Protein backbone atom coordinates (compact mmCIF):
# COMPACT_ATOMS: atom_id res chain seq x y z
CA MET A 1 29.40 45.68 26.97
CA ALA A 2 32.93 47.29 25.41
CA PHE A 3 32.69 50.75 23.98
CA ASP A 4 35.50 53.14 22.46
CA LEU A 5 37.85 55.05 24.51
CA HIS A 6 39.73 58.49 23.74
CA GLU A 7 43.38 58.58 23.99
CA LYS A 8 43.22 61.33 26.57
CA PHE A 9 41.76 58.81 29.06
CA ILE A 10 44.29 56.40 28.52
CA VAL A 11 47.08 59.32 28.92
CA ALA A 12 45.30 60.14 32.23
CA ALA A 13 45.36 56.35 33.74
CA GLU A 14 49.09 56.31 32.77
CA LYS A 15 49.64 59.75 34.64
CA THR A 16 47.82 58.15 37.71
CA LEU A 17 49.94 54.99 37.15
CA ASN A 18 52.99 56.92 36.62
CA CYS A 19 53.63 54.15 34.02
CA LYS A 20 53.15 53.63 30.19
CA LEU A 21 50.91 50.99 29.01
CA PRO A 22 51.93 48.35 26.38
CA SER A 23 50.79 49.44 22.93
CA SER A 24 48.82 46.58 21.94
CA TYR A 25 46.71 46.99 25.38
CA ARG A 26 46.39 50.72 24.85
CA TRP A 27 45.28 50.03 20.99
CA SER A 28 42.62 47.54 22.26
CA MET A 29 41.30 49.53 24.80
CA GLN A 30 40.81 52.40 22.44
CA GLU A 31 38.84 50.07 20.16
CA ASN A 32 36.81 48.37 23.06
CA ASN A 33 37.18 49.60 26.55
CA GLY A 34 36.58 46.62 28.26
CA GLY A 35 35.12 43.05 26.94
CA THR A 36 35.80 39.53 27.71
CA ILE A 37 38.89 37.03 26.85
CA GLU A 38 38.34 33.62 26.80
CA ALA A 39 41.97 32.00 28.11
CA ASP A 40 43.05 29.42 30.41
CA ASP A 41 40.22 27.63 30.18
CA GLY A 42 37.93 30.25 31.44
CA PHE A 43 36.44 33.59 30.53
CA TRP A 44 38.04 37.00 31.63
CA ASP A 45 36.46 40.35 32.07
CA LEU A 46 38.76 43.05 31.44
CA PHE A 47 38.75 46.15 33.64
CA THR A 48 38.18 49.37 31.96
CA ILE A 49 39.94 52.46 31.84
CA ALA A 50 37.92 55.48 33.32
CA ASP A 51 36.00 57.43 30.81
CA ASN A 52 34.10 60.35 32.35
CA SER A 53 32.96 62.21 29.24
CA ASP A 54 29.23 61.35 30.14
CA LYS A 55 27.30 59.63 32.71
CA LYS A 56 26.79 56.49 30.72
CA ARG A 57 30.53 55.97 30.21
CA LEU A 58 31.28 56.95 33.81
CA SER A 59 29.15 54.25 34.93
CA ARG A 60 30.43 51.73 32.67
CA SER A 61 34.06 52.36 33.76
CA CYS A 62 33.70 52.37 37.45
CA ASN A 63 35.30 49.14 37.61
CA ASN A 64 38.31 50.35 36.13
CA ILE A 65 42.33 49.33 36.34
CA ILE A 66 43.02 52.32 38.73
CA THR A 67 40.34 51.31 41.21
CA GLU A 68 41.16 47.47 40.31
CA MET A 69 45.04 48.36 41.27
CA LYS A 70 44.28 49.83 44.66
CA ARG A 71 41.69 46.97 45.73
CA SER A 72 44.28 44.43 44.51
CA SER A 73 46.97 45.73 46.23
CA LEU A 74 45.18 45.16 49.53
CA ARG A 75 45.41 41.46 49.12
CA ALA A 76 47.93 39.67 51.38
CA ASN A 77 49.80 38.07 48.78
CA PHE A 78 49.38 40.18 45.86
CA PRO A 79 52.76 41.05 43.72
CA LYS A 80 54.41 44.53 43.90
CA ASN A 81 54.78 46.45 40.62
CA VAL A 82 52.02 44.73 38.72
CA LEU A 83 48.64 45.90 37.33
CA ALA A 84 45.56 43.84 37.35
CA ILE A 85 43.65 44.15 33.88
CA ALA A 86 41.10 41.39 34.07
CA SER A 87 39.63 38.97 36.45
CA ASP A 88 38.14 35.48 36.10
CA GLY A 89 35.40 35.87 38.66
CA THR A 90 37.35 33.47 41.20
CA GLY A 91 39.85 35.78 42.34
CA ASP A 92 42.71 34.82 39.72
CA LEU A 93 43.66 38.35 38.03
CA MET A 94 45.34 38.91 34.53
CA ILE A 95 48.32 41.07 35.25
CA LEU A 96 50.81 43.28 33.75
CA LYS A 97 54.50 43.50 35.09
CA LYS A 98 56.43 46.88 35.30
CA ASP A 99 59.25 47.17 33.97
CA PRO A 100 62.39 47.50 36.27
CA SER A 101 62.94 51.11 35.11
CA GLY A 102 59.45 51.74 36.37
CA ASP A 103 58.60 53.80 33.40
CA CYS A 104 56.33 51.42 31.64
CA TYR A 105 54.63 47.86 31.64
CA PHE A 106 55.93 44.82 29.78
CA ASP A 107 53.92 43.50 26.81
CA ASN A 108 53.78 40.01 28.50
CA VAL A 109 50.34 39.24 30.09
CA TYR A 110 50.49 36.98 33.18
CA ILE A 111 47.80 35.09 35.18
CA TRP A 112 48.02 35.56 38.88
CA PHE A 113 46.50 32.98 41.12
CA HIS A 114 45.47 34.11 44.31
CA GLU A 115 45.34 30.91 46.54
CA THR A 116 49.05 30.29 45.50
CA GLY A 117 50.50 33.73 44.63
CA GLU A 118 52.14 32.00 41.79
CA ILE A 119 52.34 34.10 38.49
CA VAL A 120 52.47 32.20 35.15
CA GLU A 121 53.05 33.83 31.71
CA LEU A 122 49.67 33.59 29.61
CA VAL A 123 51.27 35.40 26.28
CA SER A 124 54.01 37.38 25.29
CA ASP A 125 51.80 40.19 24.14
CA PHE A 126 48.64 41.40 24.59
CA LYS A 127 47.60 41.24 20.81
CA GLU A 128 47.92 37.43 21.16
CA LEU A 129 44.44 37.53 23.06
CA GLU A 130 41.25 37.85 21.20
CA VAL A 131 39.01 40.37 23.07
CA GLY A 132 35.27 39.95 22.41
């Protein structure tokens, strides 16, 4: 279940990532921290951004982008300089790529296919995705 998110938690995640998140993604997470996206012939569960403002929000956001970044980075063929933002439940991940400067993530959203390691652009901006 998606829920709103205070800006300070997005800023905290960006500080941990040492990289700014795309504005359309930030806005979407502020409105609905999590949710589901229908794309690429399937449903994708967005990872939340950690929110420890109360016990209920903490438990809802335990599967967050920082936790998933650490988990994903352990995979053998997971690419460097990307951030997993959603999963389709089969092992494939929706990702953001980091700008070569390392200061921010690009607006484009990609799918990383776990079996082949292939990365395919899904949309040029997160705002093109409908979060439900």
